[in-house]
Amino acid sequence: QRVQILREWVVSQKKIIIFGGGHISLPLAEM
């Protein structure tokens, strides 16, 4: 006899903090 369990790995959403809003930061944020 068995029961069925669903196991899910919950990973926190990735975050990026960009110090500086210049010319590199624009494509960096979009990507």
All heavy atoms as atom14 arrays in JSON, in Angstrom:
{
  "sequence": "QRVQILREWVVSQKKIIIFGGGHISLPLAEM",
  "atom14_mask": [
    [1, 1, 1, 1, 1, 1, 1, 1, 1, 0, 0, 0, 0, 0],
    [1, 1, 1, 1, 1, 1, 1, 1, 1, 1, 1, 0, 0, 0],
    [1, 1, 1, 1, 1, 1, 1, 0, 0, 0, 0, 0, 0, 0],
    [1, 1, 1, 1, 1, 1, 1, 1, 1, 0, 0, 0, 0, 0],
    [1, 1, 1, 1, 1, 1, 1, 1, 0, 0, 0, 0, 0, 0],
    [1, 1, 1, 1, 1, 1, 1, 1, 0, 0, 0, 0, 0, 0],
    [1, 1, 1, 1, 1, 1, 1, 1, 1, 1, 1, 0, 0, 0],
    [1, 1, 1, 1, 1, 1, 1, 1, 1, 0, 0, 0, 0, 0],
    [1, 1, 1, 1, 1, 1, 1, 1, 1, 1, 1, 1, 1, 1],
    [1, 1, 1, 1, 1, 1, 1, 0, 0, 0, 0, 0, 0, 0],
    [1, 1, 1, 1, 1, 1, 1, 0, 0, 0, 0, 0, 0, 0],
    [1, 1, 1, 1, 1, 1, 0, 0, 0, 0, 0, 0, 0, 0],
    [1, 1, 1, 1, 1, 1, 1, 1, 1, 0, 0, 0, 0, 0],
    [1, 1, 1, 1, 1, 1, 1, 1, 1, 0, 0, 0, 0, 0],
    [1, 1, 1, 1, 1, 1, 1, 1, 1, 0, 0, 0, 0, 0],
    [1, 1, 1, 1, 1, 1, 1, 1, 0, 0, 0, 0, 0, 0],
    [1, 1, 1, 1, 1, 1, 1, 1, 0, 0, 0, 0, 0, 0],
    [1, 1, 1, 1, 1, 1, 1, 1, 0, 0, 0, 0, 0, 0],
    [1, 1, 1, 1, 1, 1, 1, 1, 1, 1, 1, 0, 0, 0],
    [1, 1, 1, 1, 0, 0, 0, 0, 0, 0, 0, 0, 0, 0],
    [1, 1, 1, 1, 0, 0, 0, 0, 0, 0, 0, 0, 0, 0],
    [1, 1, 1, 1, 0, 0, 0, 0, 0, 0, 0, 0, 0, 0],
    [1, 1, 1, 1, 1, 1, 1, 1, 1, 1, 0, 0, 0, 0],
    [1, 1, 1, 1, 1, 1, 1, 1, 0, 0, 0, 0, 0, 0],
    [1, 1, 1, 1, 1, 1, 0, 0, 0, 0, 0, 0, 0, 0],
    [1, 1, 1, 1, 1, 1, 1, 1, 0, 0, 0, 0, 0, 0],
    [1, 1, 1, 1, 1, 1, 1, 0, 0, 0, 0, 0, 0, 0],
    [1, 1, 1, 1, 1, 1, 1, 1, 0, 0, 0, 0, 0, 0],
    [1, 1, 1, 1, 1, 0, 0, 0, 0, 0, 0, 0, 0, 0],
    [1, 1, 1, 1, 1, 1, 1, 1, 1, 0, 0, 0, 0, 0],
    [1, 1, 1, 1, 1, 1, 1, 1, 0, 0, 0, 0, 0, 0]
  ],
  "atom14_positions": [
    [[0.83, -1.19, 0.0], [0.0, 0.0, 0.0], [0.87, 1.25, 0.0], [1.84, 1.34, 0.74], [-0.92, 0.0, 1.22], [-1.86, -1.21, 1.28], [-2.59, -1.29, 2.6], [-2.02, -1.07, 3.66], [-3.87, -1.6, 2.53], [0.0, 0.0, 0.0], [0.0, 0.0, 0.0], [0.0, 0.0, 0.0], [0.0, 0.0, 0.0], [0.0, 0.0, 0.0]],
    [[0.49, 2.21, -0.83], [1.28, 3.43, -0.95], [0.39, 4.65, -1.03], [-0.79, 4.55, -1.38], [2.15, 3.38, -2.23], [3.19, 2.27, -2.22], [3.87, 2.16, -3.58], [4.85, 1.08, -3.6], [6.13, 1.23, -3.3], [6.59, 2.43, -2.98], [6.96, 0.22, -3.32], [0.0, 0.0, 0.0], [0.0, 0.0, 0.0], [0.0, 0.0, 0.0]],
    [[0.98, 5.78, -0.71], [0.35, 7.06, -1.02], [1.3, 7.79, -1.97], [2.51, 7.54, -1.98], [0.09, 7.9, 0.25], [-0.9, 7.21, 1.16], [1.39, 8.19, 1.01], [0.0, 0.0, 0.0], [0.0, 0.0, 0.0], [0.0, 0.0, 0.0], [0.0, 0.0, 0.0], [0.0, 0.0, 0.0], [0.0, 0.0, 0.0], [0.0, 0.0, 0.0]],
    [[0.74, 8.69, -2.75], [1.53, 9.41, -3.75], [1.76, 10.85, -3.3], [0.8, 11.55, -2.94], [0.82, 9.39, -5.11], [0.69, 8.01, -5.73], [2.03, 7.42, -6.14], [2.97, 8.14, -6.44], [2.1, 6.09, -6.17], [0.0, 0.0, 0.0], [0.0, 0.0, 0.0], [0.0, 0.0, 0.0], [0.0, 0.0, 0.0], [0.0, 0.0, 0.0]],
    [[3.01, 11.26, -3.33], [3.39, 12.6, -2.9], [4.05, 13.33, -4.06], [4.85, 12.76, -4.8], [4.39, 12.54, -1.72], [3.85, 11.68, -0.58], [4.72, 13.95, -1.21], [2.61, 12.2, 0.06], [0.0, 0.0, 0.0], [0.0, 0.0, 0.0], [0.0, 0.0, 0.0], [0.0, 0.0, 0.0], [0.0, 0.0, 0.0], [0.0, 0.0, 0.0]],
    [[3.7, 14.6, -4.22], [4.37, 15.46, -5.19], [5.38, 16.32, -4.45], [5.03, 17.02, -3.5], [3.36, 16.36, -5.92], [3.96, 17.4, -6.89], [4.62, 16.69, -8.07], [2.9, 18.38, -7.36], [0.0, 0.0, 0.0], [0.0, 0.0, 0.0], [0.0, 0.0, 0.0], [0.0, 0.0, 0.0], [0.0, 0.0, 0.0], [0.0, 0.0, 0.0]],
    [[6.64, 16.23, -4.86], [7.69, 17.05, -4.26], [8.11, 18.14, -5.26], [8.46, 17.83, -6.39], [8.91, 16.21, -3.87], [10.07, 17.06, -3.35], [11.14, 16.24, -2.67], [11.77, 15.27, -3.54], [12.82, 14.53, -3.19], [13.33, 14.65, -1.97], [13.35, 13.66, -4.02], [0.0, 0.0, 0.0], [0.0, 0.0, 0.0], [0.0, 0.0, 0.0]],
    [[8.05, 19.38, -4.81], [8.41, 20.51, -5.67], [9.51, 21.33, -4.99], [9.38, 21.69, -3.82], [7.2, 21.41, -5.92], [6.04, 20.73, -6.61], [4.83, 21.62, -6.68], [4.04, 21.61, -5.71], [4.69, 22.35, -7.67], [0.0, 0.0, 0.0], [0.0, 0.0, 0.0], [0.0, 0.0, 0.0], [0.0, 0.0, 0.0], [0.0, 0.0, 0.0]],
    [[10.57, 21.59, -5.73], [11.62, 22.46, -5.23], [11.23, 23.9, -5.55], [11.09, 24.27, -6.73], [12.96, 22.13, -5.87], [13.57, 20.88, -5.31], [14.41, 20.78, -4.25], [13.39, 19.55, -5.8], [14.76, 19.47, -4.04], [14.15, 18.69, -4.98], [12.66, 19.0, -6.85], [14.2, 17.32, -5.18], [12.7, 17.63, -7.05], [13.47, 16.82, -6.21]],
    [[11.01, 24.67, -4.53], [10.59, 26.06, -4.71], [11.83, 26.95, -4.6], [12.42, 27.06, -3.52], [9.55, 26.46, -3.65], [9.08, 27.88, -3.9], [8.39, 25.49, -3.66], [0.0, 0.0, 0.0], [0.0, 0.0, 0.0], [0.0, 0.0, 0.0], [0.0, 0.0, 0.0], [0.0, 0.0, 0.0], [0.0, 0.0, 0.0], [0.0, 0.0, 0.0]],
    [[12.22, 27.51, -5.7], [13.42, 28.35, -5.75], [12.99, 29.81, -5.82], [12.12, 30.17, -6.61], [14.29, 27.99, -6.96], [15.55, 28.84, -6.98], [14.64, 26.51, -6.94], [0.0, 0.0, 0.0], [0.0, 0.0, 0.0], [0.0, 0.0, 0.0], [0.0, 0.0, 0.0], [0.0, 0.0, 0.0], [0.0, 0.0, 0.0], [0.0, 0.0, 0.0]],
    [[13.6, 30.62, -4.99], [13.24, 32.04, -4.99], [13.59, 32.67, -6.32], [14.54, 32.28, -7.0], [14.0, 32.78, -3.88], [15.38, 32.65, -4.06], [0.0, 0.0, 0.0], [0.0, 0.0, 0.0], [0.0, 0.0, 0.0], [0.0, 0.0, 0.0], [0.0, 0.0, 0.0], [0.0, 0.0, 0.0], [0.0, 0.0, 0.0], [0.0, 0.0, 0.0]],
    [[12.81, 33.69, -6.74], [13.04, 34.34, -8.01], [14.36, 35.11, -7.97], [14.65, 35.82, -7.01], [11.89, 35.3, -8.34], [11.98, 35.87, -9.74], [10.79, 36.74, -10.08], [9.87, 36.86, -9.29], [10.81, 37.35, -11.25], [0.0, 0.0, 0.0], [0.0, 0.0, 0.0], [0.0, 0.0, 0.0], [0.0, 0.0, 0.0], [0.0, 0.0, 0.0]],
    [[15.11, 34.97, -9.02], [16.41, 35.63, -9.09], [16.24, 37.15, -9.14], [15.25, 37.67, -9.66], [17.17, 35.15, -10.32], [17.45, 33.66, -10.35], [18.04, 33.23, -11.66], [17.03, 33.34, -12.8], [17.55, 32.79, -14.08], [0.0, 0.0, 0.0], [0.0, 0.0, 0.0], [0.0, 0.0, 0.0], [0.0, 0.0, 0.0], [0.0, 0.0, 0.0]],
    [[17.22, 37.84, -8.58], [17.17, 39.3, -8.52], [18.53, 39.85, -8.94], [19.57, 39.27, -8.6], [16.85, 39.71, -7.09], [16.73, 41.21, -6.85], [16.71, 41.53, -5.35], [15.69, 40.73, -4.61], [15.73, 40.99, -3.15], [0.0, 0.0, 0.0], [0.0, 0.0, 0.0], [0.0, 0.0, 0.0], [0.0, 0.0, 0.0], [0.0, 0.0, 0.0]],
    [[18.51, 40.95, -9.67], [19.77, 41.61, -10.03], [19.67, 43.08, -9.61], [18.67, 43.74, -9.91], [20.09, 41.47, -11.53], [21.47, 42.04, -11.84], [19.02, 42.09, -12.41], [21.97, 41.69, -13.24], [0.0, 0.0, 0.0], [0.0, 0.0, 0.0], [0.0, 0.0, 0.0], [0.0, 0.0, 0.0], [0.0, 0.0, 0.0], [0.0, 0.0, 0.0]],
    [[20.67, 43.55, -8.9], [20.76, 44.95, -8.51], [21.89, 45.57, -9.3], [23.05, 45.14, -9.2], [21.0, 45.11, -7.0], [19.82, 44.52, -6.21], [21.18, 46.59, -6.63], [20.01, 44.54, -4.7], [0.0, 0.0, 0.0], [0.0, 0.0, 0.0], [0.0, 0.0, 0.0], [0.0, 0.0, 0.0], [0.0, 0.0, 0.0], [0.0, 0.0, 0.0]],
    [[21.56, 46.58, -10.1], [22.54, 47.23, -10.96], [22.86, 48.6, -10.4], [21.99, 49.47, -10.32], [22.01, 47.38, -12.4], [21.54, 46.01, -12.94], [23.08, 47.97, -13.31], [20.8, 46.1, -14.26], [0.0, 0.0, 0.0], [0.0, 0.0, 0.0], [0.0, 0.0, 0.0], [0.0, 0.0, 0.0], [0.0, 0.0, 0.0], [0.0, 0.0, 0.0]],
    [[24.09, 48.77, -9.96], [24.55, 50.08, -9.5], [25.08, 50.85, -10.71], [26.13, 50.5, -11.26], [25.64, 49.94, -8.44], [25.14, 49.43, -7.11], [25.25, 48.08, -6.78], [24.54, 50.28, -6.2], [24.8, 47.61, -5.57], [24.09, 49.82, -4.98], [24.2, 48.48, -4.66], [0.0, 0.0, 0.0], [0.0, 0.0, 0.0], [0.0, 0.0, 0.0]],
    [[24.33, 51.87, -11.12], [24.68, 52.62, -12.3], [23.65, 52.39, -13.4], [23.33, 51.23, -13.69], [0.0, 0.0, 0.0], [0.0, 0.0, 0.0], [0.0, 0.0, 0.0], [0.0, 0.0, 0.0], [0.0, 0.0, 0.0], [0.0, 0.0, 0.0], [0.0, 0.0, 0.0], [0.0, 0.0, 0.0], [0.0, 0.0, 0.0], [0.0, 0.0, 0.0]],
    [[23.16, 53.47, -13.99], [22.12, 53.32, -15.0], [22.58, 53.74, -16.38], [21.75, 54.18, -17.18], [0.0, 0.0, 0.0], [0.0, 0.0, 0.0], [0.0, 0.0, 0.0], [0.0, 0.0, 0.0], [0.0, 0.0, 0.0], [0.0, 0.0, 0.0], [0.0, 0.0, 0.0], [0.0, 0.0, 0.0], [0.0, 0.0, 0.0], [0.0, 0.0, 0.0]],
    [[23.86, 53.6, -16.67], [24.42, 54.06, -17.94], [24.15, 53.17, -19.11], [23.21, 52.35, -19.12], [0.0, 0.0, 0.0], [0.0, 0.0, 0.0], [0.0, 0.0, 0.0], [0.0, 0.0, 0.0], [0.0, 0.0, 0.0], [0.0, 0.0, 0.0], [0.0, 0.0, 0.0], [0.0, 0.0, 0.0], [0.0, 0.0, 0.0], [0.0, 0.0, 0.0]],
    [[25.02, 53.27, -20.14], [24.77, 52.62, -21.41], [24.82, 51.09, -21.34], [24.14, 50.41, -22.1], [25.77, 53.13, -22.47], [27.21, 52.91, -22.08], [27.82, 53.57, -21.04], [28.15, 52.09, -22.62], [29.08, 53.17, -20.96], [29.3, 52.28, -21.9], [0.0, 0.0, 0.0], [0.0, 0.0, 0.0], [0.0, 0.0, 0.0], [0.0, 0.0, 0.0]],
    [[25.62, 50.53, -20.42], [25.65, 49.06, -20.28], [24.41, 48.56, -19.55], [23.89, 47.48, -19.83], [26.93, 48.62, -19.54], [28.16, 48.91, -20.4], [26.88, 47.14, -19.17], [29.48, 48.64, -19.7], [0.0, 0.0, 0.0], [0.0, 0.0, 0.0], [0.0, 0.0, 0.0], [0.0, 0.0, 0.0], [0.0, 0.0, 0.0], [0.0, 0.0, 0.0]],
    [[23.9, 49.37, -18.63], [22.79, 48.94, -17.79], [21.51, 48.72, -18.57], [20.69, 47.86, -18.19], [22.55, 49.98, -16.68], [23.71, 50.13, -15.89], [0.0, 0.0, 0.0], [0.0, 0.0, 0.0], [0.0, 0.0, 0.0], [0.0, 0.0, 0.0], [0.0, 0.0, 0.0], [0.0, 0.0, 0.0], [0.0, 0.0, 0.0], [0.0, 0.0, 0.0]],
    [[21.28, 49.48, -19.63], [20.05, 49.33, -20.41], [19.92, 47.92, -21.0], [18.93, 47.22, -20.72], [19.98, 50.38, -21.51], [19.46, 51.76, -21.09], [19.58, 52.74, -22.25], [18.01, 51.66, -20.65], [0.0, 0.0, 0.0], [0.0, 0.0, 0.0], [0.0, 0.0, 0.0], [0.0, 0.0, 0.0], [0.0, 0.0, 0.0], [0.0, 0.0, 0.0]],
    [[20.87, 47.44, -21.81], [20.74, 46.07, -22.33], [20.86, 45.02, -21.23], [20.25, 43.95, -21.32], [21.9, 45.95, -23.34], [22.88, 47.0, -22.95], [22.07, 48.11, -22.37], [0.0, 0.0, 0.0], [0.0, 0.0, 0.0], [0.0, 0.0, 0.0], [0.0, 0.0, 0.0], [0.0, 0.0, 0.0], [0.0, 0.0, 0.0], [0.0, 0.0, 0.0]],
    [[21.64, 45.32, -20.18], [21.79, 44.38, -19.07], [20.43, 44.14, -18.41], [20.05, 42.99, -18.12], [22.79, 44.92, -18.06], [23.07, 44.05, -16.82], [23.64, 42.7, -17.23], [24.03, 44.76, -15.87], [0.0, 0.0, 0.0], [0.0, 0.0, 0.0], [0.0, 0.0, 0.0], [0.0, 0.0, 0.0], [0.0, 0.0, 0.0], [0.0, 0.0, 0.0]],
    [[19.67, 45.22, -18.16], [18.36, 45.09, -17.53], [17.39, 44.33, -18.43], [16.63, 43.47, -17.98], [17.8, 46.47, -17.18], [0.0, 0.0, 0.0], [0.0, 0.0, 0.0], [0.0, 0.0, 0.0], [0.0, 0.0, 0.0], [0.0, 0.0, 0.0], [0.0, 0.0, 0.0], [0.0, 0.0, 0.0], [0.0, 0.0, 0.0], [0.0, 0.0, 0.0]],
    [[17.41, 44.63, -19.73], [16.5, 43.97, -20.66], [16.79, 42.47, -20.75], [15.88, 41.64, -20.75], [16.62, 44.61, -22.04], [16.08, 46.04, -22.1], [16.31, 46.69, -23.45], [16.77, 45.99, -24.38], [16.01, 47.89, -23.6], [0.0, 0.0, 0.0], [0.0, 0.0, 0.0], [0.0, 0.0, 0.0], [0.0, 0.0, 0.0], [0.0, 0.0, 0.0]],
    [[18.06, 42.11, -20.84], [18.42, 40.7, -20.91], [18.1, 39.98, -19.59], [17.66, 38.82, -19.6], [19.92, 40.55, -21.22], [20.31, 41.02, -22.6], [22.11, 40.83, -22.85], [22.33, 41.71, -24.39], [0.0, 0.0, 0.0], [0.0, 0.0, 0.0], [0.0, 0.0, 0.0], [0.0, 0.0, 0.0], [0.0, 0.0, 0.0], [0.0, 0.0, 0.0]]
  ]
}
